[in-house]
Amino acid sequence: MEFGVPVDEHTRFDIASASKQFTAACVLLLEREGKLGLDDDVRTHVPELSLETPVTLRQCLQHTGGLPEWYSLQALTGVPLAEMTEQRLLEVLTGIRRTTFEPGTAFSYSNTGYVLAAVVINRVTNSSLAEFARKRLFEPLGMADSLFRDDASVPLDRLAYGYANAQGEPRRADTQESAVGDGGLVTSVAGLAPWFGFLADGRVLGTDLRDRLLERGCWPTARSRRTRWGSITAMAGSPTRAACTGTCRTCCTCPIRVSASRCCPTRRRSIR
């Protein structure tokens, strides 16, 4: 905005929680190769966790693990978001002993589960989520503009910064943290086109992976909900109504009609 540069199809944006589907795809790739199982206890791969109750990778990805929200915990640590790397965040998460409900019995949107999924990918492959996604998703699909921004201090070309409305005046409101998995993917409209092709027909990565990624999970609640890997659909109303899948400091559910994955106008919210 301050430079007066027009946005075009190659302008890159931080797509916030819409990033989760890519983290899920990486986990599903490793499942396909037999390197992990969705029903693995996350403590098997991250043994330093202090959780007293087993939480599975499936529950991490489907927001049913009862894991406390790390953004709420961060406020208690004294660590600024700008200094929150994956390792520093993991040190915070190792202090969690109890879940907020019995895993698998309810739904509660959790960025924490996707951060742990990124840690598991690192432990299984000995490479960061950013590196694994680059090699296994973005390069094969030709998504040259796409990367997980796991060092938010590094300048990126063609990146549109975030802004907030402060009493009518725009203020810079960029993503500060360098922990990724729950968010942190930078891409463009042109860069996402091959991904939508994959979601349409399974090209390059395989229809089996596409089908797994779009597979719905369901669990009993008073108002039945279903989830896909990286996005949720509220089933209480019309089947075309989608619920907000991202979080910010004041996130709420925002059912609206949508026809494709895209970024919600509210900062750090994404919808499917």
Protein backbone atom coordinates (compact mmCIF):
# COMPACT_ATOMS: atom_id res chain seq x y z
CA MET A 1 0.00 0.00 0.00
CA GLU A 2 2.65 2.52 1.02
CA PHE A 3 4.62 1.85 -2.19
CA GLY A 4 1.62 2.15 -4.49
CA VAL A 5 2.37 -1.19 -6.20
CA PRO A 6 -0.67 -2.73 -7.95
CA VAL A 7 -1.69 -6.25 -6.98
CA ASP A 8 -1.61 -8.79 -9.81
CA GLU A 9 -1.78 -12.56 -10.18
CA HIS A 10 1.86 -12.89 -9.11
CA THR A 11 1.58 -10.80 -5.94
CA ARG A 12 2.26 -13.05 -2.98
CA PHE A 13 0.17 -13.12 0.17
CA ASP A 14 0.47 -14.88 3.51
CA ILE A 15 -2.63 -17.09 3.30
CA ALA A 16 -2.74 -17.71 7.06
CA SER A 17 -4.84 -20.70 8.09
CA ALA A 18 -5.56 -21.73 4.50
CA SER A 19 -2.00 -23.07 4.83
CA LYS A 20 -3.28 -25.97 6.90
CA GLN A 21 -4.37 -28.03 3.90
CA PHE A 22 -0.76 -28.09 2.69
CA THR A 23 0.52 -29.25 6.08
CA ALA A 24 -2.13 -31.98 6.03
CA ALA A 25 -1.09 -33.01 2.51
CA CYS A 26 2.51 -33.43 3.71
CA VAL A 27 1.38 -35.67 6.56
CA LEU A 28 -0.77 -37.72 4.17
CA LEU A 29 2.20 -38.13 1.81
CA LEU A 30 4.20 -39.62 4.67
CA GLU A 31 1.28 -41.84 5.60
CA ARG A 32 1.10 -43.10 2.01
CA GLU A 33 4.78 -44.00 2.20
CA GLY A 34 4.30 -45.88 5.48
CA LYS A 35 6.52 -43.51 7.45
CA LEU A 36 3.82 -42.62 9.97
CA GLY A 37 0.20 -43.43 10.77
CA LEU A 38 -2.65 -41.02 11.37
CA ASP A 39 -3.51 -42.91 14.54
CA ASP A 40 0.02 -42.58 15.90
CA ASP A 41 0.18 -40.97 19.32
CA VAL A 42 1.90 -37.64 18.64
CA ARG A 43 4.13 -38.38 21.67
CA THR A 44 5.65 -41.27 19.68
CA HIS A 45 7.27 -38.75 17.36
CA VAL A 46 7.66 -35.91 19.88
CA PRO A 47 8.54 -37.73 23.11
CA GLU A 48 9.35 -34.56 25.05
CA LEU A 49 5.65 -33.65 25.16
CA SER A 50 4.16 -33.91 28.66
CA LEU A 51 0.61 -34.76 27.61
CA GLU A 52 -1.02 -37.13 30.06
CA THR A 53 -3.56 -38.33 27.48
CA PRO A 54 -2.76 -39.75 24.02
CA VAL A 55 -3.53 -37.38 21.15
CA THR A 56 -3.25 -38.79 17.65
CA LEU A 57 -2.06 -37.12 14.48
CA ARG A 58 -5.56 -37.56 13.09
CA GLN A 59 -6.97 -35.62 16.05
CA CYS A 60 -4.32 -32.91 15.59
CA LEU A 61 -5.36 -32.44 11.97
CA GLN A 62 -9.11 -32.66 12.57
CA HIS A 63 -9.16 -30.28 15.56
CA THR A 64 -10.47 -32.97 17.90
CA GLY A 65 -7.44 -33.40 20.18
CA GLY A 66 -8.49 -30.89 22.83
CA LEU A 67 -5.12 -29.17 22.57
CA PRO A 68 -5.00 -25.69 24.13
CA GLU A 69 -4.60 -22.84 21.65
CA TRP A 70 -0.97 -21.79 21.47
CA TYR A 71 -1.79 -18.13 20.78
CA SER A 72 -3.40 -17.99 24.22
CA LEU A 73 -0.39 -19.67 25.81
CA GLN A 74 2.05 -17.36 24.04
CA ALA A 75 0.65 -14.36 25.89
CA LEU A 76 1.75 -16.01 29.16
CA THR A 77 5.31 -16.80 28.07
CA GLY A 78 6.67 -13.30 27.60
CA VAL A 79 8.13 -14.37 24.25
CA PRO A 80 7.22 -11.84 21.53
CA LEU A 81 5.59 -13.26 18.42
CA ALA A 82 8.51 -11.96 16.37
CA GLU A 83 10.82 -14.31 18.31
CA MET A 84 8.51 -17.34 18.19
CA THR A 85 10.30 -19.98 16.14
CA GLU A 86 9.19 -23.60 15.90
CA GLN A 87 11.76 -24.62 18.54
CA ARG A 88 10.73 -21.90 21.01
CA LEU A 89 7.07 -22.73 20.48
CA LEU A 90 7.76 -26.43 21.01
CA GLU A 91 9.37 -25.57 24.34
CA VAL A 92 6.09 -23.89 25.29
CA LEU A 93 3.99 -26.82 24.10
CA THR A 94 6.03 -29.35 26.09
CA GLY A 95 4.55 -27.76 29.20
CA ILE A 96 0.99 -28.81 28.27
CA ARG A 97 -0.09 -31.70 30.49
CA ARG A 98 -3.85 -31.84 30.06
CA THR A 99 -6.19 -31.48 27.12
CA THR A 100 -9.32 -29.34 27.37
CA PHE A 101 -11.55 -32.37 26.69
CA GLU A 102 -11.12 -36.09 26.06
CA PRO A 103 -9.46 -36.34 22.65
CA GLY A 104 -11.79 -37.48 19.89
CA THR A 105 -15.01 -36.54 21.68
CA ALA A 106 -15.49 -32.91 20.58
CA PHE A 107 -14.31 -30.23 18.19
CA SER A 108 -12.26 -27.18 19.11
CA TYR A 109 -10.31 -25.32 16.45
CA SER A 110 -6.64 -25.65 17.28
CA ASN A 111 -3.59 -24.13 15.65
CA THR A 112 -1.55 -26.15 18.12
CA GLY A 113 -2.34 -29.45 16.39
CA TYR A 114 -0.94 -28.19 13.09
CA VAL A 115 2.22 -26.83 14.70
CA LEU A 116 2.76 -30.29 16.19
CA ALA A 117 2.10 -31.85 12.78
CA ALA A 118 4.92 -29.68 11.38
CA VAL A 119 7.21 -30.88 14.18
CA VAL A 120 6.31 -34.50 13.40
CA ILE A 121 7.16 -33.97 9.72
CA ASN A 122 10.54 -32.61 10.81
CA ARG A 123 11.20 -35.59 13.07
CA VAL A 124 10.17 -38.19 10.48
CA THR A 125 11.96 -36.66 7.48
CA ASN A 126 14.82 -34.79 9.16
CA SER A 127 13.84 -31.71 7.16
CA SER A 128 11.68 -28.71 7.93
CA LEU A 129 8.09 -28.48 6.78
CA ALA A 130 9.22 -25.68 4.43
CA GLU A 131 11.84 -27.88 2.80
CA PHE A 132 9.64 -30.99 2.64
CA ALA A 133 6.71 -29.09 1.13
CA ARG A 134 9.00 -27.44 -1.42
CA LYS A 135 10.41 -30.76 -2.61
CA ARG A 136 7.29 -32.88 -2.43
CA LEU A 137 4.44 -30.46 -3.19
CA PHE A 138 5.48 -27.15 -4.70
CA GLU A 139 8.25 -28.19 -7.10
CA PRO A 140 6.36 -31.18 -8.57
CA LEU A 141 3.23 -29.08 -9.05
CA GLY A 142 5.10 -26.06 -10.42
CA MET A 143 4.06 -23.75 -7.57
CA ALA A 144 7.10 -21.51 -7.85
CA ASP A 145 5.58 -18.64 -5.85
CA SER A 146 4.73 -20.85 -2.86
CA LEU A 147 6.75 -21.44 0.30
CA PHE A 148 6.32 -21.83 4.03
CA ARG A 149 7.81 -18.68 5.51
CA ASP A 150 9.61 -20.20 8.50
CA ASP A 151 11.78 -17.11 8.98
CA ALA A 152 9.52 -14.09 8.97
CA SER A 153 12.51 -11.72 9.12
CA VAL A 154 13.67 -12.62 5.60
CA PRO A 155 12.39 -10.18 2.93
CA LEU A 156 10.44 -11.74 0.06
CA ASP A 157 9.95 -10.23 -3.36
CA ARG A 158 6.38 -9.46 -4.50
CA LEU A 159 5.00 -9.95 -0.98
CA ALA A 160 1.95 -7.89 -0.04
CA TYR A 161 2.08 -6.93 3.61
CA GLY A 162 -0.90 -7.10 5.94
CA TYR A 163 -2.71 -4.04 7.27
CA ALA A 164 -5.19 -3.39 10.04
CA ASN A 165 -7.72 -0.60 10.33
CA ALA A 166 -6.79 1.55 13.30
CA GLN A 167 -9.62 4.05 13.77
CA GLY A 168 -9.87 4.58 10.05
CA GLU A 169 -6.12 4.69 9.45
CA PRO A 170 -4.29 1.68 7.96
CA ARG A 171 -1.47 0.25 10.05
CA ARG A 172 0.97 -2.49 9.16
CA ALA A 173 -0.14 -5.80 10.69
CA ASP A 174 2.21 -8.41 9.30
CA THR A 175 2.62 -12.00 10.39
CA GLN A 176 5.44 -11.93 12.91
CA GLU A 177 5.96 -15.53 14.05
CA SER A 178 8.28 -17.96 12.26
CA ALA A 179 6.53 -21.12 13.48
CA VAL A 180 4.57 -22.60 10.58
CA GLY A 181 2.21 -25.47 9.86
CA ASP A 182 -0.89 -23.79 11.24
CA GLY A 183 -0.18 -20.90 8.86
CA GLY A 184 2.79 -19.26 7.22
CA LEU A 185 2.33 -20.25 3.59
CA VAL A 186 3.11 -17.47 1.14
CA THR A 187 1.71 -17.83 -2.37
CA SER A 188 -0.02 -16.00 -5.23
CA VAL A 189 -3.17 -16.48 -7.26
CA ALA A 190 -1.06 -17.82 -10.14
CA GLY A 191 0.91 -19.97 -7.72
CA LEU A 192 -2.24 -21.60 -6.37
CA ALA A 193 -3.60 -22.55 -9.79
CA PRO A 194 -1.73 -25.89 -9.97
CA TRP A 195 -3.02 -26.75 -6.48
CA PHE A 196 -6.61 -26.27 -7.59
CA GLY A 197 -5.82 -28.51 -10.57
CA PHE A 198 -4.61 -31.18 -8.16
CA LEU A 199 -7.74 -30.83 -6.04
CA ALA A 200 -9.86 -31.14 -9.19
CA ASP A 201 -8.37 -34.30 -10.68
CA GLY A 202 -5.39 -35.45 -8.60
CA ARG A 203 -2.83 -34.44 -11.22
CA VAL A 204 0.87 -34.98 -10.45
CA LEU A 205 0.49 -36.01 -6.80
CA GLY A 206 -2.15 -38.69 -7.37
CA THR A 207 -5.89 -39.12 -6.99
CA ASP A 208 -5.34 -41.25 -3.90
CA LEU A 209 -3.74 -38.32 -2.08
CA ARG A 210 -6.41 -35.93 -3.36
CA ASP A 211 -9.17 -38.25 -2.17
CA ARG A 212 -7.56 -38.62 1.25
CA LEU A 213 -7.18 -34.86 1.56
CA LEU A 214 -10.87 -34.29 0.75
CA GLU A 215 -12.05 -37.16 2.93
CA ARG A 216 -14.44 -36.10 5.67
CA GLY A 217 -14.19 -37.04 9.29
CA CYS A 218 -17.23 -36.92 11.55
CA TRP A 219 -17.85 -37.18 15.28
CA PRO A 220 -20.97 -36.98 17.46
CA THR A 221 -22.02 -33.61 18.84
CA ALA A 222 -25.32 -31.92 19.46
CA ARG A 223 -24.89 -30.21 16.08
CA SER A 224 -23.06 -32.66 13.84
CA ARG A 225 -19.89 -31.31 12.34
CA ARG A 226 -17.61 -32.74 9.73
CA THR A 227 -14.04 -31.85 8.87
CA ARG A 228 -11.74 -32.20 5.92
CA TRP A 229 -7.99 -32.12 6.39
CA GLY A 230 -7.22 -28.46 6.94
CA SER A 231 -10.78 -27.10 6.76
CA ILE A 232 -14.11 -27.63 8.45
CA THR A 233 -17.70 -27.64 7.33
CA ALA A 234 -20.53 -26.95 9.74
CA MET A 235 -23.37 -29.34 8.94
CA ALA A 236 -26.06 -27.74 11.09
CA GLY A 237 -27.40 -25.68 8.19
CA SER A 238 -27.16 -25.77 4.43
CA PRO A 239 -24.52 -28.17 3.05
CA THR A 240 -23.07 -25.22 1.14
CA ARG A 241 -22.38 -23.23 4.30
CA ALA A 242 -18.80 -23.19 5.45
CA ALA A 243 -17.38 -22.17 8.79
CA CYS A 244 -14.37 -19.97 9.44
CA THR A 245 -11.28 -22.17 9.74
CA GLY A 246 -8.68 -19.58 10.69
CA THR A 247 -8.02 -17.85 13.91
CA CYS A 248 -6.88 -14.42 14.94
CA ARG A 249 -6.92 -12.70 18.29
CA THR A 250 -10.71 -12.29 18.12
CA CYS A 251 -11.72 -15.21 15.88
CA CYS A 252 -15.34 -16.26 15.68
CA THR A 253 -17.30 -18.61 13.48
CA CYS A 254 -18.45 -16.82 10.38
CA PRO A 255 -20.73 -19.00 8.22
CA ILE A 256 -20.90 -17.75 4.66
CA ARG A 257 -21.58 -19.27 1.26
CA VAL A 258 -18.46 -20.11 -0.69
CA SER A 259 -17.62 -22.00 -3.86
CA ALA A 260 -13.88 -22.52 -3.46
CA SER A 261 -11.04 -22.19 -0.95
CA ARG A 262 -10.01 -18.60 -0.50
CA CYS A 263 -8.92 -16.16 2.14
CA CYS A 264 -11.61 -14.60 4.32
CA PRO A 265 -11.56 -10.78 4.36
CA THR A 266 -10.89 -10.82 8.10
CA ARG A 267 -7.22 -11.07 9.01
CA ARG A 268 -5.91 -14.58 9.71
CA ARG A 269 -9.22 -16.24 8.84
CA SER A 270 -9.61 -18.62 5.96
CA ILE A 271 -12.62 -20.38 4.56
CA ARG A 272 -13.30 -23.32 2.35
